[in-house]
Amino acid sequence: MNNLRVTTTTLMAMAFVGLTAMSCKDGKEDSSATTETEMIKLEPSASTANNESKVQNPDSEKVLADYMALKDALVETDEKAAAEAGKKLETTLKSFKLDSYSAEQQNELQQLVDSAIEHSGKIVNSDMEEQRAHFQKLNDAVTSMVTITGTASTLYQQFCPMYASDTGGAWLSMEKNIRNPYFGSKMMKCGVVQKEIN
């Protein structure tokens, strides 16, 4: 009986990934993929659960604003704008203050900030393909930062399985509507909303 449950769960997961991939391949400007995934509320991590407010540090909101500008430049396939946004984000990250966080949070955040600085800096001097590859790694760091810092905004974690075929590509957005930073106009609507973060 347990084998049947595992097989059924596995088949359902494979079917979902297959349907998502097929919807991306057809290249249609259809946003129905966003409605196929149920919104999941991201529970606050233990490090943020005890905070009096959702956002301890206004620097985190500056990071998100610069991140969104970079994401939008990639959506538009604008290499120059992406480089400028990457430089601005790098500067913001370098001035990120950690003193309002616990020692454990500071240690974790410092590692994430360092990773984000590295990849935002590399976006400055890269072509579009490399900018998108660095954005994928930058996104991982920024998303992990948000789980610690919290956010005053509602964010949508979105995912395209067609980018980097072994891992796919995720990104954060302030709107449910899919606008893919990994493919731009080639596959603008490729992706689904995985989580709602607020």
N, C-alpha and C. Protein backbone atom coordinates (compact mmCIF):
# COMPACT_ATOMS: atom_id res chain seq x y z
N MET A 1 0.83 -1.20 0.00
CA MET A 1 0.00 0.00 0.00
C MET A 1 0.87 1.26 0.00
N ASN A 2 1.95 1.23 0.80
CA ASN A 2 2.87 2.37 0.83
C ASN A 2 3.49 2.61 -0.53
N ASN A 3 3.85 1.52 -1.24
CA ASN A 3 4.43 1.67 -2.57
C ASN A 3 3.45 2.34 -3.53
N LEU A 4 2.15 2.00 -3.40
CA LEU A 4 1.14 2.61 -4.24
C LEU A 4 1.04 4.10 -3.98
N ARG A 5 1.08 4.50 -2.70
CA ARG A 5 1.01 5.92 -2.36
C ARG A 5 2.21 6.68 -2.93
N VAL A 6 3.40 6.11 -2.78
CA VAL A 6 4.61 6.75 -3.29
C VAL A 6 4.52 6.88 -4.80
N THR A 7 4.08 5.82 -5.48
CA THR A 7 3.97 5.84 -6.93
C THR A 7 2.96 6.88 -7.38
N THR A 8 1.82 6.95 -6.70
CA THR A 8 0.80 7.93 -7.06
C THR A 8 1.32 9.35 -6.88
N THR A 9 1.98 9.60 -5.76
CA THR A 9 2.54 10.93 -5.49
C THR A 9 3.59 11.29 -6.53
N THR A 10 4.44 10.33 -6.86
CA THR A 10 5.48 10.55 -7.86
C THR A 10 4.86 10.87 -9.21
N LEU A 11 3.84 10.11 -9.61
CA LEU A 11 3.19 10.35 -10.90
C LEU A 11 2.53 11.72 -10.95
N MET A 12 1.90 12.12 -9.84
CA MET A 12 1.26 13.44 -9.80
C MET A 12 2.30 14.55 -9.94
N ALA A 13 3.43 14.39 -9.25
CA ALA A 13 4.50 15.40 -9.32
C ALA A 13 5.05 15.49 -10.74
N MET A 14 5.27 14.31 -11.37
CA MET A 14 5.79 14.29 -12.74
C MET A 14 4.80 14.93 -13.71
N ALA A 15 3.52 14.67 -13.50
CA ALA A 15 2.50 15.24 -14.38
C ALA A 15 2.48 16.76 -14.26
N PHE A 16 2.60 17.27 -13.04
CA PHE A 16 2.60 18.73 -12.83
C PHE A 16 3.78 19.37 -13.54
N VAL A 17 4.98 18.80 -13.34
CA VAL A 17 6.17 19.35 -13.98
C VAL A 17 6.04 19.28 -15.49
N GLY A 18 5.51 18.15 -15.99
CA GLY A 18 5.32 17.99 -17.43
C GLY A 18 4.37 19.02 -18.01
N LEU A 19 3.24 19.24 -17.33
CA LEU A 19 2.27 20.24 -17.79
C LEU A 19 2.86 21.64 -17.78
N THR A 20 3.61 21.94 -16.72
CA THR A 20 4.24 23.26 -16.63
C THR A 20 5.22 23.45 -17.77
N ALA A 21 6.05 22.45 -18.01
CA ALA A 21 7.04 22.53 -19.08
C ALA A 21 6.37 22.69 -20.44
N MET A 22 5.27 21.93 -20.66
CA MET A 22 4.55 22.02 -21.94
C MET A 22 3.96 23.41 -22.12
N SER A 23 3.43 23.99 -21.05
CA SER A 23 2.83 25.32 -21.17
C SER A 23 3.90 26.36 -21.49
N CYS A 24 5.13 26.13 -21.05
CA CYS A 24 6.20 27.06 -21.35
C CYS A 24 6.67 26.91 -22.79
N LYS A 25 6.69 25.67 -23.29
CA LYS A 25 7.21 25.43 -24.63
C LYS A 25 6.33 26.02 -25.72
N ASP A 26 5.00 26.10 -25.45
CA ASP A 26 4.14 26.58 -26.53
C ASP A 26 4.29 28.07 -26.79
N GLY A 27 4.91 28.81 -25.85
CA GLY A 27 5.22 30.21 -26.08
C GLY A 27 4.02 31.13 -26.14
N LYS A 28 2.84 30.67 -25.74
CA LYS A 28 1.64 31.50 -25.79
C LYS A 28 1.68 32.52 -24.68
N GLU A 29 1.07 33.65 -24.93
CA GLU A 29 0.97 34.71 -23.93
C GLU A 29 -0.23 34.43 -23.03
N ASP A 30 -0.24 33.26 -22.40
CA ASP A 30 -1.35 32.85 -21.56
C ASP A 30 -0.90 32.83 -20.12
N SER A 31 -1.62 33.55 -19.28
CA SER A 31 -1.22 33.62 -17.88
C SER A 31 -1.92 32.58 -17.04
N SER A 32 -2.60 31.60 -17.66
CA SER A 32 -3.35 30.61 -16.90
C SER A 32 -2.44 29.76 -16.02
N ALA A 33 -1.15 29.66 -16.38
CA ALA A 33 -0.22 28.87 -15.57
C ALA A 33 -0.15 29.39 -14.15
N THR A 34 -0.37 30.68 -14.00
CA THR A 34 -0.28 31.26 -12.66
C THR A 34 -1.43 30.83 -11.78
N THR A 35 -2.57 30.47 -12.38
CA THR A 35 -3.72 30.09 -11.58
C THR A 35 -3.73 28.61 -11.27
N GLU A 36 -2.87 27.83 -11.91
CA GLU A 36 -2.85 26.39 -11.68
C GLU A 36 -2.19 26.03 -10.37
N THR A 37 -1.36 26.92 -9.84
CA THR A 37 -0.65 26.63 -8.60
C THR A 37 -1.33 27.35 -7.46
N GLU A 38 -1.68 26.62 -6.44
CA GLU A 38 -2.31 27.23 -5.28
C GLU A 38 -1.28 28.05 -4.51
N MET A 39 -1.70 29.21 -4.03
CA MET A 39 -0.80 30.06 -3.25
C MET A 39 -0.47 29.38 -1.93
N ILE A 40 0.79 29.44 -1.56
CA ILE A 40 1.24 28.87 -0.29
C ILE A 40 1.81 30.00 0.53
N LYS A 41 1.31 30.17 1.72
CA LYS A 41 1.85 31.21 2.60
C LYS A 41 3.17 30.72 3.17
N LEU A 42 4.20 31.52 3.05
CA LEU A 42 5.51 31.17 3.60
C LEU A 42 5.50 31.48 5.09
N GLU A 43 5.65 30.46 5.89
CA GLU A 43 5.68 30.66 7.34
C GLU A 43 6.97 31.37 7.72
N PRO A 44 6.90 32.29 8.69
CA PRO A 44 8.13 32.96 9.12
C PRO A 44 9.09 31.97 9.73
N SER A 45 10.37 32.16 9.47
CA SER A 45 11.37 31.29 10.06
C SER A 45 11.46 31.56 11.55
N ALA A 46 12.10 30.66 12.27
CA ALA A 46 12.24 30.82 13.71
C ALA A 46 12.95 32.12 14.03
N SER A 47 13.85 32.53 13.14
CA SER A 47 14.62 33.76 13.40
C SER A 47 13.77 35.01 13.24
N THR A 48 12.64 34.94 12.49
CA THR A 48 11.80 36.11 12.34
C THR A 48 10.53 36.04 13.17
N ALA A 49 10.20 34.86 13.67
CA ALA A 49 8.94 34.68 14.38
C ALA A 49 8.85 35.54 15.63
N ASN A 50 9.98 35.82 16.28
CA ASN A 50 9.98 36.57 17.51
C ASN A 50 10.14 38.08 17.31
N ASN A 51 10.26 38.51 16.07
CA ASN A 51 10.43 39.94 15.82
C ASN A 51 9.13 40.68 16.10
N GLU A 52 9.25 41.90 16.59
CA GLU A 52 8.06 42.70 16.87
C GLU A 52 7.41 43.19 15.59
N SER A 53 8.18 43.41 14.56
CA SER A 53 7.63 43.85 13.29
C SER A 53 8.15 42.94 12.20
N LYS A 54 7.48 43.02 11.03
CA LYS A 54 7.89 42.19 9.91
C LYS A 54 9.27 42.56 9.40
N VAL A 55 9.60 43.81 9.44
CA VAL A 55 10.87 44.28 8.88
C VAL A 55 11.66 44.98 9.97
N GLN A 56 12.82 44.43 10.29
CA GLN A 56 13.69 45.03 11.30
C GLN A 56 14.50 46.17 10.71
N ASN A 57 14.80 46.06 9.43
CA ASN A 57 15.82 46.90 8.85
C ASN A 57 15.36 47.48 7.51
N PRO A 58 15.26 48.80 7.37
CA PRO A 58 14.83 49.38 6.10
C PRO A 58 15.79 49.07 4.96
N ASP A 59 17.04 48.71 5.28
CA ASP A 59 17.99 48.34 4.22
C ASP A 59 17.48 47.17 3.39
N SER A 60 16.73 46.27 4.03
CA SER A 60 16.22 45.10 3.30
C SER A 60 15.23 45.53 2.22
N GLU A 61 14.46 46.58 2.48
CA GLU A 61 13.52 47.07 1.47
C GLU A 61 14.27 47.73 0.31
N LYS A 62 15.40 48.38 0.59
CA LYS A 62 16.22 48.96 -0.47
C LYS A 62 16.80 47.85 -1.36
N VAL A 63 17.23 46.77 -0.71
CA VAL A 63 17.75 45.63 -1.47
C VAL A 63 16.68 45.09 -2.41
N LEU A 64 15.46 44.93 -1.88
CA LEU A 64 14.37 44.41 -2.71
C LEU A 64 14.04 45.35 -3.87
N ALA A 65 14.04 46.66 -3.61
CA ALA A 65 13.75 47.62 -4.68
C ALA A 65 14.79 47.53 -5.80
N ASP A 66 16.07 47.43 -5.43
CA ASP A 66 17.13 47.31 -6.43
C ASP A 66 17.08 45.96 -7.14
N TYR A 67 16.74 44.92 -6.41
CA TYR A 67 16.58 43.58 -6.99
C TYR A 67 15.48 43.62 -8.06
N MET A 68 14.35 44.27 -7.74
CA MET A 68 13.23 44.34 -8.69
C MET A 68 13.61 45.12 -9.94
N ALA A 69 14.40 46.17 -9.78
CA ALA A 69 14.86 46.93 -10.95
C ALA A 69 15.74 46.05 -11.85
N LEU A 70 16.59 45.24 -11.24
CA LEU A 70 17.43 44.32 -12.00
C LEU A 70 16.58 43.27 -12.70
N LYS A 71 15.65 42.69 -11.98
CA LYS A 71 14.76 41.68 -12.57
C LYS A 71 14.02 42.26 -13.77
N ASP A 72 13.50 43.49 -13.63
CA ASP A 72 12.76 44.11 -14.73
C ASP A 72 13.65 44.36 -15.94
N ALA A 73 14.90 44.73 -15.71
CA ALA A 73 15.83 44.93 -16.83
C ALA A 73 16.08 43.62 -17.58
N LEU A 74 16.15 42.52 -16.83
CA LEU A 74 16.34 41.21 -17.46
C LEU A 74 15.08 40.79 -18.22
N VAL A 75 13.91 41.09 -17.67
CA VAL A 75 12.65 40.82 -18.37
C VAL A 75 12.65 41.52 -19.72
N GLU A 76 13.15 42.77 -19.74
CA GLU A 76 13.19 43.55 -20.98
C GLU A 76 14.38 43.22 -21.87
N THR A 77 15.23 42.28 -21.42
CA THR A 77 16.45 41.90 -22.13
C THR A 77 17.29 43.15 -22.45
N ASP A 78 17.44 43.99 -21.45
CA ASP A 78 18.20 45.24 -21.59
C ASP A 78 19.52 45.08 -20.81
N GLU A 79 20.55 44.70 -21.54
CA GLU A 79 21.86 44.40 -20.93
C GLU A 79 22.45 45.60 -20.19
N LYS A 80 22.35 46.78 -20.79
CA LYS A 80 22.91 47.97 -20.16
C LYS A 80 22.16 48.32 -18.87
N ALA A 81 20.84 48.29 -18.91
CA ALA A 81 20.03 48.59 -17.72
C ALA A 81 20.27 47.55 -16.63
N ALA A 82 20.46 46.29 -17.02
CA ALA A 82 20.74 45.23 -16.05
C ALA A 82 22.08 45.48 -15.38
N ALA A 83 23.08 45.90 -16.17
CA ALA A 83 24.40 46.19 -15.61
C ALA A 83 24.31 47.35 -14.60
N GLU A 84 23.57 48.39 -14.96
CA GLU A 84 23.41 49.54 -14.06
C GLU A 84 22.67 49.13 -12.78
N ALA A 85 21.62 48.32 -12.94
CA ALA A 85 20.85 47.86 -11.78
C ALA A 85 21.70 46.95 -10.90
N GLY A 86 22.54 46.12 -11.53
CA GLY A 86 23.43 45.25 -10.77
C GLY A 86 24.42 46.06 -9.95
N LYS A 87 24.94 47.14 -10.54
CA LYS A 87 25.89 48.02 -9.82
C LYS A 87 25.20 48.70 -8.64
N LYS A 88 23.99 49.18 -8.85
CA LYS A 88 23.25 49.84 -7.77
C LYS A 88 22.96 48.85 -6.64
N LEU A 89 22.54 47.64 -7.01
CA LEU A 89 22.26 46.62 -6.00
C LEU A 89 23.52 46.25 -5.23
N GLU A 90 24.64 46.14 -5.93
CA GLU A 90 25.91 45.84 -5.27
C GLU A 90 26.24 46.91 -4.22
N THR A 91 26.06 48.17 -4.58
CA THR A 91 26.33 49.28 -3.65
C THR A 91 25.40 49.22 -2.44
N THR A 92 24.13 48.95 -2.68
CA THR A 92 23.15 48.84 -1.58
C THR A 92 23.51 47.71 -0.65
N LEU A 93 23.89 46.58 -1.21
CA LEU A 93 24.25 45.41 -0.40
C LEU A 93 25.49 45.69 0.46
N LYS A 94 26.44 46.44 -0.09
CA LYS A 94 27.66 46.74 0.66
C LYS A 94 27.39 47.64 1.87
N SER A 95 26.28 48.38 1.82
CA SER A 95 25.94 49.25 2.96
C SER A 95 24.87 48.64 3.86
N PHE A 96 24.55 47.37 3.64
CA PHE A 96 23.51 46.69 4.43
C PHE A 96 23.98 46.56 5.88
N LYS A 97 23.17 47.06 6.80
CA LYS A 97 23.54 47.05 8.23
C LYS A 97 22.96 45.82 8.91
N LEU A 98 23.80 45.15 9.68
CA LEU A 98 23.41 43.90 10.34
C LEU A 98 23.14 44.06 11.83
N ASP A 99 23.42 45.25 12.38
CA ASP A 99 23.43 45.39 13.85
C ASP A 99 22.07 45.22 14.53
N SER A 100 20.97 45.24 13.78
CA SER A 100 19.66 45.06 14.41
C SER A 100 19.24 43.60 14.50
N TYR A 101 20.12 42.70 14.06
CA TYR A 101 19.82 41.27 14.07
C TYR A 101 20.61 40.55 15.15
N SER A 102 20.14 39.37 15.53
CA SER A 102 20.85 38.55 16.52
C SER A 102 22.18 38.09 15.93
N ALA A 103 23.07 37.58 16.79
CA ALA A 103 24.38 37.12 16.33
C ALA A 103 24.24 36.00 15.30
N GLU A 104 23.31 35.10 15.53
CA GLU A 104 23.09 33.99 14.60
C GLU A 104 22.58 34.51 13.26
N GLN A 105 21.62 35.43 13.30
CA GLN A 105 21.09 36.02 12.08
C GLN A 105 22.17 36.81 11.34
N GLN A 106 23.00 37.55 12.09
CA GLN A 106 24.08 38.32 11.46
C GLN A 106 25.03 37.42 10.69
N ASN A 107 25.37 36.29 11.28
CA ASN A 107 26.28 35.35 10.64
C ASN A 107 25.68 34.82 9.33
N GLU A 108 24.41 34.42 9.40
CA GLU A 108 23.74 33.89 8.21
C GLU A 108 23.56 34.99 7.15
N LEU A 109 23.11 36.15 7.60
CA LEU A 109 22.91 37.26 6.67
C LEU A 109 24.21 37.69 6.00
N GLN A 110 25.31 37.72 6.75
CA GLN A 110 26.59 38.14 6.17
C GLN A 110 26.98 37.23 5.02
N GLN A 111 26.78 35.93 5.18
CA GLN A 111 27.10 34.99 4.10
C GLN A 111 26.22 35.24 2.88
N LEU A 112 24.92 35.49 3.13
CA LEU A 112 24.00 35.75 2.02
C LEU A 112 24.31 37.06 1.32
N VAL A 113 24.62 38.09 2.10
CA VAL A 113 24.97 39.39 1.53
C VAL A 113 26.25 39.27 0.70
N ASP A 114 27.23 38.55 1.21
CA ASP A 114 28.49 38.35 0.46
C ASP A 114 28.23 37.67 -0.89
N SER A 115 27.39 36.64 -0.87
CA SER A 115 27.05 35.94 -2.11
C SER A 115 26.31 36.87 -3.07
N ALA A 116 25.36 37.64 -2.54
CA ALA A 116 24.60 38.57 -3.38
C ALA A 116 25.51 39.66 -3.96
N ILE A 117 26.46 40.15 -3.17
CA ILE A 117 27.41 41.15 -3.67
C ILE A 117 28.24 40.57 -4.81
N GLU A 118 28.70 39.34 -4.62
CA GLU A 118 29.51 38.69 -5.66
C GLU A 118 28.76 38.61 -6.99
N HIS A 119 27.52 38.14 -6.94
CA HIS A 119 26.78 37.92 -8.19
C HIS A 119 26.24 39.21 -8.79
N SER A 120 25.84 40.17 -7.95
CA SER A 120 25.39 41.45 -8.51
C SER A 120 26.57 42.17 -9.15
N GLY A 121 27.77 42.04 -8.56
CA GLY A 121 28.96 42.64 -9.13
C GLY A 121 29.33 42.02 -10.47
N LYS A 122 29.15 40.71 -10.60
CA LYS A 122 29.48 40.03 -11.87
C LYS A 122 28.48 40.39 -12.97
N ILE A 123 27.27 40.76 -12.60
CA ILE A 123 26.26 41.16 -13.59
C ILE A 123 26.71 42.43 -14.30
N VAL A 124 27.46 43.27 -13.62
CA VAL A 124 27.89 44.57 -14.16
C VAL A 124 28.70 44.41 -15.45
N ASN A 125 29.56 43.40 -15.50
CA ASN A 125 30.47 43.25 -16.64
C ASN A 125 30.20 41.99 -17.46
N SER A 126 28.94 41.57 -17.52
CA SER A 126 28.61 40.34 -18.23
C SER A 126 27.65 40.61 -19.38
N ASP A 127 27.59 39.65 -20.32
CA ASP A 127 26.57 39.74 -21.36
C ASP A 127 25.25 39.20 -20.81
N MET A 128 24.18 39.30 -21.58
CA MET A 128 22.85 38.96 -21.09
C MET A 128 22.75 37.52 -20.58
N GLU A 129 23.34 36.59 -21.30
CA GLU A 129 23.27 35.19 -20.87
C GLU A 129 23.93 34.99 -19.51
N GLU A 130 25.10 35.60 -19.32
CA GLU A 130 25.79 35.50 -18.04
C GLU A 130 25.07 36.29 -16.95
N GLN A 131 24.48 37.43 -17.32
CA GLN A 131 23.71 38.20 -16.35
C GLN A 131 22.58 37.35 -15.77
N ARG A 132 21.91 36.62 -16.64
CA ARG A 132 20.80 35.77 -16.18
C ARG A 132 21.31 34.62 -15.32
N ALA A 133 22.45 34.06 -15.65
CA ALA A 133 23.03 32.98 -14.83
C ALA A 133 23.40 33.49 -13.44
N HIS A 134 23.97 34.69 -13.37
CA HIS A 134 24.32 35.27 -12.07
C HIS A 134 23.05 35.68 -11.30
N PHE A 135 22.03 36.11 -12.02
CA PHE A 135 20.77 36.48 -11.37
C PHE A 135 20.15 35.26 -10.68
N GLN A 136 20.29 34.09 -11.29
CA GLN A 136 19.75 32.87 -10.68
C GLN A 136 20.36 32.65 -9.30
N LYS A 137 21.67 32.81 -9.19
CA LYS A 137 22.35 32.63 -7.91
C LYS A 137 22.07 33.80 -6.96
N LEU A 138 22.01 35.00 -7.50
CA LEU A 138 21.66 36.17 -6.72
C LEU A 138 20.27 36.00 -6.11
N ASN A 139 19.34 35.49 -6.89
CA ASN A 139 17.98 35.29 -6.41
C ASN A 139 17.95 34.36 -5.20
N ASP A 140 18.74 33.29 -5.24
CA ASP A 140 18.79 32.37 -4.10
C ASP A 140 19.18 33.10 -2.82
N ALA A 141 20.19 33.97 -2.93
CA ALA A 141 20.67 34.70 -1.76
C ALA A 141 19.63 35.70 -1.27
N VAL A 142 19.03 36.45 -2.18
CA VAL A 142 18.05 37.47 -1.79
C VAL A 142 16.80 36.81 -1.19
N THR A 143 16.35 35.71 -1.78
CA THR A 143 15.18 35.02 -1.24
C THR A 143 15.45 34.52 0.17
N SER A 144 16.63 33.99 0.40
CA SER A 144 17.00 33.54 1.75
C SER A 144 17.10 34.71 2.72
N MET A 145 17.59 35.86 2.23
CA MET A 145 17.64 37.05 3.08
C MET A 145 16.24 37.46 3.54
N VAL A 146 15.27 37.39 2.63
CA VAL A 146 13.89 37.80 2.94
C VAL A 146 13.30 36.93 4.05
N THR A 147 13.67 35.64 4.09
CA THR A 147 13.13 34.78 5.15
C THR A 147 13.63 35.22 6.52
N ILE A 148 14.75 35.92 6.58
CA ILE A 148 15.29 36.42 7.85
C ILE A 148 14.79 37.83 8.14
N THR A 149 14.86 38.70 7.14
CA THR A 149 14.53 40.11 7.36
C THR A 149 13.04 40.38 7.36
N GLY A 150 12.28 39.53 6.68
CA GLY A 150 10.87 39.83 6.47
C GLY A 150 10.75 40.89 5.40
N THR A 151 9.52 41.24 5.08
CA THR A 151 9.29 42.27 4.07
C THR A 151 7.97 42.96 4.35
N ALA A 152 7.92 44.24 4.04
CA ALA A 152 6.68 45.00 4.19
C ALA A 152 5.76 44.78 2.99
N SER A 153 6.31 44.22 1.91
CA SER A 153 5.55 44.01 0.68
C SER A 153 5.11 42.56 0.57
N THR A 154 4.07 42.32 -0.23
CA THR A 154 3.71 40.95 -0.60
C THR A 154 4.54 40.59 -1.82
N LEU A 155 5.25 39.48 -1.72
CA LEU A 155 6.08 39.02 -2.83
C LEU A 155 5.55 37.69 -3.35
N TYR A 156 5.81 37.42 -4.61
CA TYR A 156 5.43 36.15 -5.22
C TYR A 156 6.70 35.46 -5.71
N GLN A 157 6.96 34.29 -5.17
CA GLN A 157 8.10 33.50 -5.65
C GLN A 157 7.62 32.74 -6.87
N GLN A 158 8.26 32.99 -8.00
CA GLN A 158 7.85 32.41 -9.27
C GLN A 158 8.97 31.51 -9.80
N PHE A 159 8.58 30.58 -10.68
CA PHE A 159 9.54 29.56 -11.11
C PHE A 159 9.29 29.16 -12.55
N CYS A 160 10.38 29.06 -13.30
CA CYS A 160 10.34 28.57 -14.68
C CYS A 160 11.17 27.30 -14.78
N PRO A 161 10.56 26.15 -15.09
CA PRO A 161 11.31 24.90 -15.16
C PRO A 161 12.18 24.77 -16.40
N MET A 162 11.97 25.66 -17.38
CA MET A 162 12.69 25.54 -18.65
C MET A 162 14.10 26.13 -18.60
N TYR A 163 14.38 26.99 -17.59
CA TYR A 163 15.69 27.61 -17.51
C TYR A 163 16.65 26.67 -16.79
N ALA A 164 17.85 26.53 -17.30
CA ALA A 164 18.87 25.66 -16.69
C ALA A 164 18.20 24.32 -16.38
N SER A 165 17.99 23.53 -17.41
CA SER A 165 17.12 22.35 -17.39
C SER A 165 17.24 21.46 -16.15
N ASP A 166 18.39 21.45 -15.49
CA ASP A 166 18.52 20.59 -14.32
C ASP A 166 17.93 21.22 -13.06
N THR A 167 17.82 22.55 -13.01
CA THR A 167 17.35 23.21 -11.79
C THR A 167 16.15 24.12 -12.00
N GLY A 168 15.98 24.65 -13.18
CA GLY A 168 14.97 25.68 -13.39
C GLY A 168 15.46 26.99 -12.81
N GLY A 169 14.67 28.04 -12.98
CA GLY A 169 15.05 29.35 -12.48
C GLY A 169 13.91 29.97 -11.71
N ALA A 170 14.20 30.46 -10.50
CA ALA A 170 13.20 31.12 -9.66
C ALA A 170 13.49 32.61 -9.59
N TRP A 171 12.48 33.38 -9.25
CA TRP A 171 12.65 34.82 -9.03
C TRP A 171 11.52 35.32 -8.14
N LEU A 172 11.72 36.52 -7.60
CA LEU A 172 10.70 37.17 -6.79
C LEU A 172 10.05 38.27 -7.62
N SER A 173 8.75 38.47 -7.38
CA SER A 173 8.03 39.53 -8.07
C SER A 173 7.05 40.16 -7.09
N MET A 174 6.67 41.39 -7.38
CA MET A 174 5.66 42.07 -6.56
C MET A 174 4.26 41.92 -7.15
N GLU A 175 4.16 41.17 -8.24
CA GLU A 175 2.85 40.92 -8.84
C GLU A 175 2.73 39.45 -9.24
N LYS A 176 1.49 38.95 -9.26
CA LYS A 176 1.26 37.54 -9.60
C LYS A 176 1.56 37.25 -11.07
N ASN A 177 1.32 38.23 -11.91
CA ASN A 177 1.52 38.08 -13.34
C ASN A 177 2.95 37.64 -13.65
N ILE A 178 3.10 36.60 -14.47
CA ILE A 178 4.42 36.08 -14.82
C ILE A 178 5.07 36.94 -15.90
N ARG A 179 6.25 37.44 -15.58
CA ARG A 179 7.11 38.13 -16.55
C ARG A 179 8.51 37.57 -16.35
N ASN A 180 8.91 36.66 -17.21
CA ASN A 180 10.09 35.82 -17.02
C ASN A 180 11.40 36.57 -17.29
N PRO A 181 12.26 36.71 -16.24
CA PRO A 181 13.54 37.40 -16.44
C PRO A 181 14.61 36.53 -17.11
N TYR A 182 14.36 35.23 -17.21
CA TYR A 182 15.36 34.33 -17.78
C TYR A 182 15.23 34.22 -19.30
N PHE A 183 14.05 34.51 -19.84
CA PHE A 183 13.84 34.40 -21.29
C PHE A 183 13.33 35.69 -21.92
N GLY A 184 12.82 36.61 -21.12
CA GLY A 184 12.28 37.84 -21.69
C GLY A 184 11.16 37.55 -22.67
N SER A 185 11.14 38.27 -23.79
CA SER A 185 10.04 38.14 -24.76
C SER A 185 10.00 36.78 -25.44
N LYS A 186 11.09 36.01 -25.38
CA LYS A 186 11.09 34.68 -26.01
C LYS A 186 10.07 33.76 -25.36
N MET A 187 9.98 33.81 -24.03
CA MET A 187 8.99 33.02 -23.30
C MET A 187 8.55 33.82 -22.07
N MET A 188 7.93 34.95 -22.31
CA MET A 188 7.59 35.90 -21.25
C MET A 188 6.71 35.29 -20.17
N LYS A 189 5.76 34.44 -20.55
CA LYS A 189 4.78 33.90 -19.60
C LYS A 189 5.17 32.53 -19.07
N CYS A 190 6.38 32.07 -19.35
CA CYS A 190 6.81 30.75 -18.88
C CYS A 190 7.05 30.80 -17.38
N GLY A 191 6.25 30.09 -16.63
CA GLY A 191 6.46 30.02 -15.18
C GLY A 191 5.17 29.89 -14.41
N VAL A 192 5.31 29.63 -13.13
CA VAL A 192 4.18 29.52 -12.22
C VAL A 192 4.53 30.23 -10.92
N VAL A 193 3.50 30.62 -10.19
CA VAL A 193 3.70 31.17 -8.85
C VAL A 193 3.81 30.00 -7.89
N GLN A 194 4.94 29.92 -7.17
CA GLN A 194 5.14 28.85 -6.21
C GLN A 194 4.65 29.21 -4.82
N LYS A 195 4.95 30.43 -4.38
CA LYS A 195 4.62 30.84 -3.02
C LYS A 195 4.27 32.31 -2.98
N GLU A 196 3.43 32.65 -2.03
CA GLU A 196 3.17 34.05 -1.71
C GLU A 196 3.91 34.33 -0.41
N ILE A 197 4.73 35.35 -0.41
CA ILE A 197 5.55 35.68 0.75
C ILE A 197 5.09 37.03 1.29
N ASN A 198 4.65 37.05 2.54
CA ASN A 198 4.26 38.33 3.13
C ASN A 198 4.38 38.31 4.64
